[in-house]
Amino acid sequence: MRPPVIGLTTYPSDEENRYMMPRPYVDSVRRAGGVPLLITPGEQHIDVVLGLVDGVVLIGGGDIDPDRFNGQSHPSVYNLSPERDELEIELANAVLDQKVPTLGICRGMQIVTVALGGTLNVHVPDVHGDKVAHRVPPRDPVTHVHEVEAGSRLAEILGTTSFPARSWHHQSVRDAPEGFKIVGRAPDGCAEAMESDAYPELMCVQWHPELSASEDPTQQRLFDHLIELCRAKGH
């Protein structure tokens, strides 16, 4: 049996016309036994892409345009890319429709939310204050405790309900899409994970498991489970 092929979204093209993404995403997929395949903004043939991959990781990155969820403009909004928004929203709808095993990380969780009609908090400190730092200046990751609801599918995957993980965001889910439930939160109440009984193939977390997965088995389990889901579907 061949190893599952996992499609990973990327950052938009930079000023030097290069598509970029952090290596830890790729490393985490490879440790789990998957073969990474990058999906770049601007791709028009989602059907072809999904014919090549067995699972998908919607990675983190810059902000989603607030106009896509009736949000307000904010000075902290950065790295907007209409091309990336368009690709990832279309991709999110397609993987859900086709029941493709998918892991949404940070922006990826937000993309799923927006694609299905949910809304985001444009700037977390404006809603939850500064009790918990979800990133540190200028825009760097930070570790804090996360709590996951006992009995949730995510708690079963992780094997725990409380753990430290790397956080790297300033936006978060405000209103989860219809049929979804927030099952993970930070100590300040910020939404950190969501799931839906209608989409058991989907995992959505706001933190960045790839940043510590190499030394933290709890975080690597998200990628391991993604590969297990792909193999269970016969890949």
Foldseek 3Di string as FASTA:
>chain_A
DAFFEEEEEFAAQDPVRDTDDDCLVVVLLVVLRYHYDYDYFPDDCLVVVVVRGQAYEYEDDFDEPQVLQVDDDDPPHDRYDPRSLVVLLVNLVVCLVVLRQYEYEAVRLVSNQSSQRFHKDPFQCVPLNVPDDLADPPFHKDKAKKAFAPPDPLCVLLVHGIDIAIGTDGMATDGGHPQKDQGMAGPSRTRAWIDGPSRPSYTYGNTDLSVCVVPDVSSSSVSNVSSVVSVVVPD
